[in-house]
Amino acid sequence: MTSGHALASPWFVRPPATSAPARLFCFPFSGSGASAFSAWPATAGDAEICPVQFPGRENRLAHPHYASYENLADQLVQALTPLLDTPFAFFGHCAGALPAYESALNLAAAGLPTPQRLFVSGQPAPHEAAHDRMLTLGEDDLRAELVAFLRGRGLEPRPDMIDMGMVVLLRDRAAAVAYRRTEPARLDCPITVLHWSQDTDVSLADLQGWLRYADSVEFHVVEGGHYDFMDAPAPLLQTLATRRGHPASGRWW
């Protein structure tokens, strides 16, 4: 360890602090990377925010794509293991919630510490993930969606930006298409499901399948659209930071 931070890892754009009392690992949505959390603060409450950088995008563009959520979860367990020395939770937005869920299962199967809570944002349960509208779109429609997304974020998409984005998006979508979990495997941690009030693709009813994945599942409605999590709105951060335990008890969420 150096300078109060864990050793550098390609899985994190900044090395997590060794002194963090808790960590919130954040998983980006399909076609994106850790920059989806670039507007987020360094902490939510006392928990350090640790955006996860998947291979095959942004500063890891030269790294082989993970190909499947199962492979991604296997790789993530190895990357996360040195950082499980303090209470932690997972936050996954849209399809990012699926490798977060699979990683939680893998940690439990390996006998390693598991997240104290899984936060799921705008993503139906794993056994219903195949119904995602994006999985049915052709390449031209996906390109149009990418252009609309970038313009919605205030960016004027250049052709080279779109071409590079499509490479990542198509590989990520292939992994999403290949993902098939027909029956729930329950987690031993609570799940908080976040619904965005102006989400035109995912309704609150679409999220109810998560009730089958843990003994404790709660739902929160957050004002905004599907991608507004990127702006780290205060109600979202408040939900993520809500203390349900006390450091002395070892429970934070």
C-alpha atoms as a PDB file:
ATOM      1  CA  MET A   1       0.000   0.000   0.000  1.00  0.00           C
ATOM      2  CA  THR A   2       1.199   3.522  -0.749  1.00  0.00           C
ATOM      3  CA  SER A   3       0.035   7.022   0.190  1.00  0.00           C
ATOM      4  CA  GLY A   4      -3.048   5.713   1.937  1.00  0.00           C
ATOM      5  CA  HIS A   5      -4.357   4.109  -1.251  1.00  0.00           C
ATOM      6  CA  ALA A   6      -4.578   0.560  -2.509  1.00  0.00           C
ATOM      7  CA  LEU A   7      -2.160  -0.459  -5.235  1.00  0.00           C
ATOM      8  CA  ALA A   8      -3.207   0.750  -8.677  1.00  0.00           C
ATOM      9  CA  SER A   9      -5.566  -1.557 -10.554  1.00  0.00           C
ATOM     10  CA  PRO A  10      -6.983  -1.201 -14.076  1.00  0.00           C
ATOM     11  CA  TRP A  11     -10.414  -1.905 -12.573  1.00  0.00           C
ATOM     12  CA  PHE A  12     -10.478   1.488 -10.850  1.00  0.00           C
ATOM     13  CA  VAL A  13      -9.789   4.886 -12.360  1.00  0.00           C
ATOM     14  CA  ARG A  14      -8.432   5.964  -8.995  1.00  0.00           C
ATOM     15  CA  PRO A  15      -6.988   3.635  -6.341  1.00  0.00           C
ATOM     16  CA  PRO A  16      -9.442   3.188  -3.452  1.00  0.00           C
ATOM     17  CA  ALA A  17      -8.304   4.665  -0.154  1.00  0.00           C
ATOM     18  CA  THR A  18      -6.970   2.164   2.367  1.00  0.00           C
ATOM     19  CA  SER A  19      -8.525   4.166   5.213  1.00  0.00           C
ATOM     20  CA  ALA A  20     -12.100   4.204   3.861  1.00  0.00           C
ATOM     21  CA  PRO A  21     -14.554   3.103   6.591  1.00  0.00           C
ATOM     22  CA  ALA A  22     -16.856   1.688   3.867  1.00  0.00           C
ATOM     23  CA  ARG A  23     -16.886   1.421   0.074  1.00  0.00           C
ATOM     24  CA  LEU A  24     -19.610   1.678  -2.553  1.00  0.00           C
ATOM     25  CA  PHE A  25     -18.561  -0.083  -5.767  1.00  0.00           C
ATOM     26  CA  CYS A  26     -20.423   1.396  -8.755  1.00  0.00           C
ATOM     27  CA  PHE A  27     -21.084  -0.597 -11.953  1.00  0.00           C
ATOM     28  CA  PRO A  28     -21.768   1.328 -15.212  1.00  0.00           C
ATOM     29  CA  PHE A  29     -24.435   0.569 -17.806  1.00  0.00           C
ATOM     30  CA  SER A  30     -23.918  -1.100 -21.203  1.00  0.00           C
ATOM     31  CA  GLY A  31     -21.809   0.898 -23.619  1.00  0.00           C
ATOM     32  CA  SER A  32     -20.359   3.076 -20.872  1.00  0.00           C
ATOM     33  CA  GLY A  33     -17.477   3.016 -18.431  1.00  0.00           C
ATOM     34  CA  ALA A  34     -16.411   4.477 -15.120  1.00  0.00           C
ATOM     35  CA  SER A  35     -16.829   7.985 -16.570  1.00  0.00           C
ATOM     36  CA  ALA A  36     -20.579   7.495 -16.063  1.00  0.00           C
ATOM     37  CA  PHE A  37     -19.784   8.419 -12.448  1.00  0.00           C
ATOM     38  CA  SER A  38     -17.428  11.310 -13.177  1.00  0.00           C
ATOM     39  CA  ALA A  39     -19.884  13.875 -11.753  1.00  0.00           C
ATOM     40  CA  TRP A  40     -20.314  11.919  -8.516  1.00  0.00           C
ATOM     41  CA  PRO A  41     -18.639  13.096  -5.313  1.00  0.00           C
ATOM     42  CA  ALA A  42     -15.831  11.123  -3.705  1.00  0.00           C
ATOM     43  CA  THR A  43     -18.116   9.815  -0.974  1.00  0.00           C
ATOM     44  CA  ALA A  44     -21.746   9.062  -0.198  1.00  0.00           C
ATOM     45  CA  GLY A  45     -21.981   9.708   3.493  1.00  0.00           C
ATOM     46  CA  ASP A  46     -18.884   8.013   4.914  1.00  0.00           C
ATOM     47  CA  ALA A  47     -18.635   5.444   2.123  1.00  0.00           C
ATOM     48  CA  GLU A  48     -16.002   5.969  -0.551  1.00  0.00           C
ATOM     49  CA  ILE A  49     -17.452   5.835  -4.074  1.00  0.00           C
ATOM     50  CA  CYS A  50     -15.415   3.426  -6.210  1.00  0.00           C
ATOM     51  CA  PRO A  51     -16.482   3.406  -9.890  1.00  0.00           C
ATOM     52  CA  VAL A  52     -15.575   0.104 -11.554  1.00  0.00           C
ATOM     53  CA  GLN A  53     -13.921   0.224 -14.975  1.00  0.00           C
ATOM     54  CA  PHE A  54     -14.864  -2.740 -17.158  1.00  0.00           C
ATOM     55  CA  PRO A  55     -12.317  -3.897 -19.767  1.00  0.00           C
ATOM     56  CA  GLY A  56     -12.745  -2.933 -23.411  1.00  0.00           C
ATOM     57  CA  ARG A  57     -13.614   0.767 -23.019  1.00  0.00           C
ATOM     58  CA  GLU A  58     -12.185   4.197 -22.176  1.00  0.00           C
ATOM     59  CA  ASN A  59      -8.715   3.796 -20.638  1.00  0.00           C
ATOM     60  CA  ARG A  60      -9.086  -0.016 -20.939  1.00  0.00           C
ATOM     61  CA  LEU A  61      -9.987  -0.041 -24.629  1.00  0.00           C
ATOM     62  CA  ALA A  62      -7.016  -2.295 -25.444  1.00  0.00           C
ATOM     63  CA  HIS A  63      -8.018  -4.870 -22.819  1.00  0.00           C
ATOM     64  CA  PRO A  64     -10.002  -7.898 -24.067  1.00  0.00           C
ATOM     65  CA  HIS A  65     -13.761  -7.542 -23.689  1.00  0.00           C
ATOM     66  CA  TYR A  66     -15.270  -9.667 -20.928  1.00  0.00           C
ATOM     67  CA  ALA A  67     -17.651 -11.444 -23.396  1.00  0.00           C
ATOM     68  CA  SER A  68     -20.193 -12.507 -20.742  1.00  0.00           C
ATOM     69  CA  TYR A  69     -21.468 -11.305 -17.380  1.00  0.00           C
ATOM     70  CA  GLU A  70     -20.324 -14.573 -15.849  1.00  0.00           C
ATOM     71  CA  ASN A  71     -16.747 -13.969 -17.064  1.00  0.00           C
ATOM     72  CA  LEU A  72     -16.936 -10.373 -15.894  1.00  0.00           C
ATOM     73  CA  ALA A  73     -18.068 -11.457 -12.422  1.00  0.00           C
ATOM     74  CA  ASP A  74     -15.236 -13.992 -12.221  1.00  0.00           C
ATOM     75  CA  GLN A  75     -12.693 -11.305 -13.088  1.00  0.00           C
ATOM     76  CA  LEU A  76     -14.278  -8.812 -10.717  1.00  0.00           C
ATOM     77  CA  VAL A  77     -14.049 -11.175  -7.751  1.00  0.00           C
ATOM     78  CA  GLN A  78     -10.274 -11.313  -8.253  1.00  0.00           C
ATOM     79  CA  ALA A  79     -10.050  -7.520  -8.559  1.00  0.00           C
ATOM     80  CA  LEU A  80     -12.280  -6.872  -5.537  1.00  0.00           C
ATOM     81  CA  THR A  81     -10.760  -9.412  -3.146  1.00  0.00           C
ATOM     82  CA  PRO A  82      -8.001  -7.081  -1.789  1.00  0.00           C
ATOM     83  CA  LEU A  83     -10.654  -4.422  -1.081  1.00  0.00           C
ATOM     84  CA  LEU A  84     -13.106  -6.492   0.958  1.00  0.00           C
ATOM     85  CA  ASP A  85     -11.475  -5.589   4.271  1.00  0.00           C
ATOM     86  CA  THR A  86     -14.135  -3.007   5.076  1.00  0.00           C
ATOM     87  CA  PRO A  87     -17.959  -2.941   4.777  1.00  0.00           C
ATOM     88  CA  PHE A  88     -19.069  -2.450   1.186  1.00  0.00           C
ATOM     89  CA  ALA A  89     -22.113  -2.300  -1.064  1.00  0.00           C
ATOM     90  CA  PHE A  90     -22.717  -2.552  -4.805  1.00  0.00           C
ATOM     91  CA  PHE A  91     -24.571  -0.033  -6.981  1.00  0.00           C
ATOM     92  CA  GLY A  92     -25.430  -1.051 -10.543  1.00  0.00           C
ATOM     93  CA  HIS A  93     -27.340   1.058 -13.039  1.00  0.00           C
ATOM     94  CA  CYS A  94     -29.324  -0.588 -15.849  1.00  0.00           C
ATOM     95  CA  ALA A  95     -27.403  -3.596 -17.209  1.00  0.00           C
ATOM     96  CA  GLY A  96     -24.575  -2.806 -14.777  1.00  0.00           C
ATOM     97  CA  ALA A  97     -26.793  -4.261 -12.053  1.00  0.00           C
ATOM     98  CA  LEU A  98     -26.462  -7.728 -13.604  1.00  0.00           C
ATOM     99  CA  PRO A  99     -22.677  -8.201 -13.210  1.00  0.00           C
ATOM    100  CA  ALA A 100     -23.034  -6.591  -9.772  1.00  0.00           C
ATOM    101  CA  TYR A 101     -25.549  -9.281  -8.844  1.00  0.00           C
ATOM    102  CA  GLU A 102     -23.431 -12.072 -10.378  1.00  0.00           C
ATOM    103  CA  SER A 103     -20.361 -10.780  -8.528  1.00  0.00           C
ATOM    104  CA  ALA A 104     -22.255 -10.911  -5.234  1.00  0.00           C
ATOM    105  CA  LEU A 105     -23.166 -14.536  -5.938  1.00  0.00           C
ATOM    106  CA  ASN A 106     -19.559 -15.380  -6.811  1.00  0.00           C
ATOM    107  CA  LEU A 107     -18.223 -13.781  -3.642  1.00  0.00           C
ATOM    108  CA  ALA A 108     -20.619 -15.876  -1.570  1.00  0.00           C
ATOM    109  CA  ALA A 109     -19.701 -19.051  -3.457  1.00  0.00           C
ATOM    110  CA  ALA A 110     -15.993 -18.376  -2.812  1.00  0.00           C
ATOM    111  CA  GLY A 111     -16.576 -17.857   0.906  1.00  0.00           C
ATOM    112  CA  LEU A 112     -15.492 -14.214   0.657  1.00  0.00           C
ATOM    113  CA  PRO A 113     -17.176 -11.186   2.254  1.00  0.00           C
ATOM    114  CA  THR A 114     -20.359 -10.214   0.433  1.00  0.00           C
ATOM    115  CA  PRO A 115     -21.929  -6.781  -0.083  1.00  0.00           C
ATOM    116  CA  GLN A 116     -24.037  -5.499   2.751  1.00  0.00           C
ATOM    117  CA  ARG A 117     -26.556  -4.215   0.219  1.00  0.00           C
ATOM    118  CA  LEU A 118     -27.128  -4.355  -3.520  1.00  0.00           C
ATOM    119  CA  PHE A 119     -28.515  -1.148  -5.027  1.00  0.00           C
ATOM    120  CA  VAL A 120     -30.251  -1.779  -8.371  1.00  0.00           C
ATOM    121  CA  SER A 121     -31.102   1.233 -10.541  1.00  0.00           C
ATOM    122  CA  GLY A 122     -33.485   1.048 -13.504  1.00  0.00           C
ATOM    123  CA  GLN A 123     -32.901  -2.637 -14.266  1.00  0.00           C
ATOM    124  CA  PRO A 124     -35.432  -5.510 -14.254  1.00  0.00           C
ATOM    125  CA  ALA A 125     -34.502  -8.682 -12.387  1.00  0.00           C
ATOM    126  CA  PRO A 126     -32.015 -11.104 -13.992  1.00  0.00           C
ATOM    127  CA  HIS A 127     -34.619 -13.675 -15.032  1.00  0.00           C
ATOM    128  CA  GLU A 128     -36.475 -10.906 -16.909  1.00  0.00           C
ATOM    129  CA  ALA A 129     -33.430  -9.161 -18.402  1.00  0.00           C
ATOM    130  CA  ALA A 130     -33.957 -10.718 -21.838  1.00  0.00           C
ATOM    131  CA  HIS A 131     -37.032  -8.487 -22.311  1.00  0.00           C
ATOM    132  CA  ASP A 132     -34.890  -5.337 -22.511  1.00  0.00           C
ATOM    133  CA  ARG A 133     -35.971  -3.238 -25.518  1.00  0.00           C
ATOM    134  CA  MET A 134     -32.355  -2.437 -26.420  1.00  0.00           C
ATOM    135  CA  LEU A 135     -31.662  -6.114 -27.105  1.00  0.00           C
ATOM    136  CA  THR A 136     -34.106  -6.080 -30.025  1.00  0.00           C
ATOM    137  CA  LEU A 137     -32.736  -3.017 -31.819  1.00  0.00           C
ATOM    138  CA  GLY A 138     -30.786  -3.214 -35.064  1.00  0.00           C
ATOM    139  CA  GLU A 139     -27.429  -1.513 -35.455  1.00  0.00           C
ATOM    140  CA  ASP A 140     -28.897   1.610 -37.097  1.00  0.00           C
ATOM    141  CA  ASP A 141     -31.395   2.026 -34.260  1.00  0.00           C
ATOM    142  CA  LEU A 142     -28.657   1.525 -31.681  1.00  0.00           C
ATOM    143  CA  ARG A 143     -26.580   4.192 -33.391  1.00  0.00           C
ATOM    144  CA  ALA A 144     -29.550   6.569 -33.241  1.00  0.00           C
ATOM    145  CA  GLU A 145     -29.994   5.778 -29.535  1.00  0.00           C
ATOM    146  CA  LEU A 146     -26.318   6.542 -28.904  1.00  0.00           C
ATOM    147  CA  VAL A 147     -26.556   9.858 -30.758  1.00  0.00           C
ATOM    148  CA  ALA A 148     -29.674  10.808 -28.770  1.00  0.00           C
ATOM    149  CA  PHE A 149     -27.988   9.848 -25.501  1.00  0.00           C
ATOM    150  CA  LEU A 150     -24.902  11.974 -26.184  1.00  0.00           C
ATOM    151  CA  ARG A 151     -26.980  14.962 -27.241  1.00  0.00           C
ATOM    152  CA  GLY A 152     -29.109  14.503 -24.138  1.00  0.00           C
ATOM    153  CA  ARG A 153     -25.898  14.833 -22.121  1.00  0.00           C
ATOM    154  CA  GLY A 154     -25.073  18.095 -23.889  1.00  0.00           C
ATOM    155  CA  LEU A 155     -22.487  16.629 -26.285  1.00  0.00           C
ATOM    156  CA  GLU A 156     -22.394  17.032 -30.043  1.00  0.00           C
ATOM    157  CA  PRO A 157     -21.471  13.545 -31.263  1.00  0.00           C
ATOM    158  CA  ARG A 158     -18.620  13.414 -33.751  1.00  0.00           C
ATOM    159  CA  PRO A 159     -18.547  10.497 -36.226  1.00  0.00           C
ATOM    160  CA  ASP A 160     -15.384   9.066 -34.633  1.00  0.00           C
ATOM    161  CA  MET A 161     -17.007   9.288 -31.199  1.00  0.00           C
ATOM    162  CA  ILE A 162     -20.063   7.411 -32.466  1.00  0.00           C
ATOM    163  CA  ASP A 163     -17.973   4.759 -34.214  1.00  0.00           C
ATOM    164  CA  MET A 164     -15.948   4.079 -31.068  1.00  0.00           C
ATOM    165  CA  GLY A 165     -19.055   4.094 -28.912  1.00  0.00           C
ATOM    166  CA  MET A 166     -20.726   1.580 -31.209  1.00  0.00           C
ATOM    167  CA  VAL A 167     -17.802  -0.832 -30.887  1.00  0.00           C
ATOM    168  CA  VAL A 168     -18.220  -0.861 -27.119  1.00  0.00           C
ATOM    169  CA  LEU A 169     -22.014  -0.896 -27.217  1.00  0.00           C
ATOM    170  CA  LEU A 170     -22.260  -3.806 -29.652  1.00  0.00           C
ATOM    171  CA  ARG A 171     -19.848  -5.943 -27.615  1.00  0.00           C
ATOM    172  CA  ASP A 172     -21.695  -5.107 -24.408  1.00  0.00           C
ATOM    173  CA  ARG A 173     -25.021  -5.874 -26.023  1.00  0.00           C
ATOM    174  CA  ALA A 174     -23.734  -9.265 -27.199  1.00  0.00           C
ATOM    175  CA  ALA A 175     -22.922 -10.090 -23.566  1.00  0.00           C
ATOM    176  CA  ALA A 176     -26.385  -8.937 -22.513  1.00  0.00           C
ATOM    177  CA  VAL A 177     -28.052 -11.078 -25.195  1.00  0.00           C
ATOM    178  CA  ALA A 178     -26.063 -14.118 -24.046  1.00  0.00           C
ATOM    179  CA  TYR A 179     -27.068 -13.653 -20.397  1.00  0.00           C
ATOM    180  CA  ARG A 180     -29.720 -16.142 -19.327  1.00  0.00           C
ATOM    181  CA  ARG A 181     -30.731 -16.707 -15.718  1.00  0.00           C
ATOM    182  CA  THR A 182     -34.119 -18.394 -15.827  1.00  0.00           C
ATOM    183  CA  GLU A 183     -34.549 -18.839 -12.066  1.00  0.00           C
ATOM    184  CA  PRO A 184     -33.617 -16.457  -9.255  1.00  0.00           C
ATOM    185  CA  ALA A 185     -30.638 -17.267  -7.058  1.00  0.00           C
ATOM    186  CA  ARG A 186     -31.171 -15.454  -3.789  1.00  0.00           C
ATOM    187  CA  LEU A 187     -28.635 -13.153  -2.180  1.00  0.00           C
ATOM    188  CA  ASP A 188     -27.875 -13.084   1.516  1.00  0.00           C
ATOM    189  CA  CYS A 189     -27.930  -9.276   1.534  1.00  0.00           C
ATOM    190  CA  PRO A 190     -30.818  -6.789   1.258  1.00  0.00           C
ATOM    191  CA  ILE A 191     -31.630  -5.242  -2.116  1.00  0.00           C
ATOM    192  CA  THR A 192     -32.715  -1.660  -2.717  1.00  0.00           C
ATOM    193  CA  VAL A 193     -34.394  -1.179  -6.100  1.00  0.00           C
ATOM    194  CA  LEU A 194     -34.383   2.357  -7.497  1.00  0.00           C
ATOM    195  CA  HIS A 195     -36.988   3.468 -10.036  1.00  0.00           C
ATOM    196  CA  TRP A 196     -36.596   6.723 -11.960  1.00  0.00           C
ATOM    197  CA  SER A 197     -39.933   8.515 -12.128  1.00  0.00           C
ATOM    198  CA  GLN A 198     -39.502   9.679 -15.742  1.00  0.00           C
ATOM    199  CA  ASP A 199     -37.954   6.471 -17.061  1.00  0.00           C
ATOM    200  CA  THR A 200     -39.828   5.716 -20.288  1.00  0.00           C
ATOM    201  CA  ASP A 201     -38.259   2.267 -20.744  1.00  0.00           C
ATOM    202  CA  VAL A 202     -38.447   0.695 -17.277  1.00  0.00           C
ATOM    203  CA  SER A 203     -41.576   1.034 -15.148  1.00  0.00           C
ATOM    204  CA  LEU A 204     -41.936   0.366 -11.438  1.00  0.00           C
ATOM    205  CA  ALA A 205     -43.937  -2.744 -12.335  1.00  0.00           C
ATOM    206  CA  ASP A 206     -40.997  -3.979 -14.441  1.00  0.00           C
ATOM    207  CA  LEU A 207     -38.822  -4.012 -11.321  1.00  0.00           C
ATOM    208  CA  GLN A 208     -41.000  -6.191  -9.107  1.00  0.00           C
ATOM    209  CA  GLY A 209     -39.160  -9.370 -10.097  1.00  0.00           C
ATOM    210  CA  TRP A 210     -36.372  -8.416  -7.674  1.00  0.00           C
ATOM    211  CA  LEU A 211     -38.689  -9.413  -4.810  1.00  0.00           C
ATOM    212  CA  ARG A 212     -37.637 -13.006  -5.472  1.00  0.00           C
ATOM    213  CA  TYR A 213     -33.922 -12.336  -4.967  1.00  0.00           C
ATOM    214  CA  ALA A 214     -33.568 -11.575  -1.252  1.00  0.00           C
ATOM    215  CA  ASP A 215     -35.449 -11.758   2.038  1.00  0.00           C
ATOM    216  CA  SER A 216     -35.406  -7.970   2.252  1.00  0.00           C
ATOM    217  CA  VAL A 217     -36.182  -5.949  -0.902  1.00  0.00           C
ATOM    218  CA  GLU A 218     -37.239  -2.318  -0.774  1.00  0.00           C
ATOM    219  CA  PHE A 219     -38.189   0.125  -3.517  1.00  0.00           C
ATOM    220  CA  HIS A 220     -37.403   3.826  -3.832  1.00  0.00           C
ATOM    221  CA  VAL A 221     -38.677   6.205  -6.510  1.00  0.00           C
ATOM    222  CA  VAL A 222     -36.184   8.892  -7.525  1.00  0.00           C
ATOM    223  CA  GLU A 223     -37.213  11.936  -9.538  1.00  0.00           C
ATOM    224  CA  GLY A 224     -35.692  12.032 -13.009  1.00  0.00           C
ATOM    225  CA  GLY A 225     -35.068  10.076 -16.171  1.00  0.00           C
ATOM    226  CA  HIS A 226     -33.161   6.889 -16.859  1.00  0.00           C
ATOM    227  CA  TYR A 227     -29.723   8.514 -17.124  1.00  0.00           C
ATOM    228  CA  ASP A 228     -30.135  11.222 -14.495  1.00  0.00           C
ATOM    229  CA  PHE A 229     -28.207   9.085 -12.002  1.00  0.00           C
ATOM    230  CA  MET A 230     -25.086  10.369 -13.787  1.00  0.00           C
ATOM    231  CA  ASP A 231     -25.658  13.800 -12.230  1.00  0.00           C
ATOM    232  CA  ALA A 232     -25.611  12.315  -8.714  1.00  0.00           C
ATOM    233  CA  PRO A 233     -28.880  13.958  -7.584  1.00  0.00           C
ATOM    234  CA  ALA A 234     -29.097  14.567  -3.861  1.00  0.00           C
ATOM    235  CA  PRO A 235     -32.044  12.171  -3.240  1.00  0.00           C
ATOM    236  CA  LEU A 236     -30.061   9.345  -4.854  1.00  0.00           C
ATOM    237  CA  LEU A 237     -26.949  10.045  -2.798  1.00  0.00           C
ATOM    238  CA  GLN A 238     -29.069  10.284   0.342  1.00  0.00           C
ATOM    239  CA  THR A 239     -30.520   6.828  -0.342  1.00  0.00           C
ATOM    240  CA  LEU A 240     -27.062   5.379  -0.991  1.00  0.00           C
ATOM    241  CA  ALA A 241     -25.648   6.978   2.157  1.00  0.00           C
ATOM    242  CA  THR A 242     -28.465   6.087   4.534  1.00  0.00           C
ATOM    243  CA  ARG A 243     -26.910   4.341   7.517  1.00  0.00           C
ATOM    244  CA  ARG A 244     -28.865   1.303   8.651  1.00  0.00           C
ATOM    245  CA  GLY A 245     -26.277   0.149  11.119  1.00  0.00           C
ATOM    246  CA  HIS A 246     -23.292   1.469  13.008  1.00  0.00           C
ATOM    247  CA  PRO A 247     -19.581   0.995  12.315  1.00  0.00           C
ATOM    248  CA  ALA A 248     -19.164  -0.803  15.637  1.00  0.00           C
ATOM    249  CA  SER A 249     -21.708  -3.396  14.553  1.00  0.00           C
ATOM    250  CA  GLY A 250     -19.965  -4.024  11.244  1.00  0.00           C
ATOM    251  CA  ARG A 251     -23.211  -3.181   9.423  1.00  0.00           C
ATOM    252  CA  TRP A 252     -23.446  -0.013   7.376  1.00  0.00           C
ATOM    253  CA  TRP A 253     -26.379  -0.465   5.024  1.00  0.00           C
END
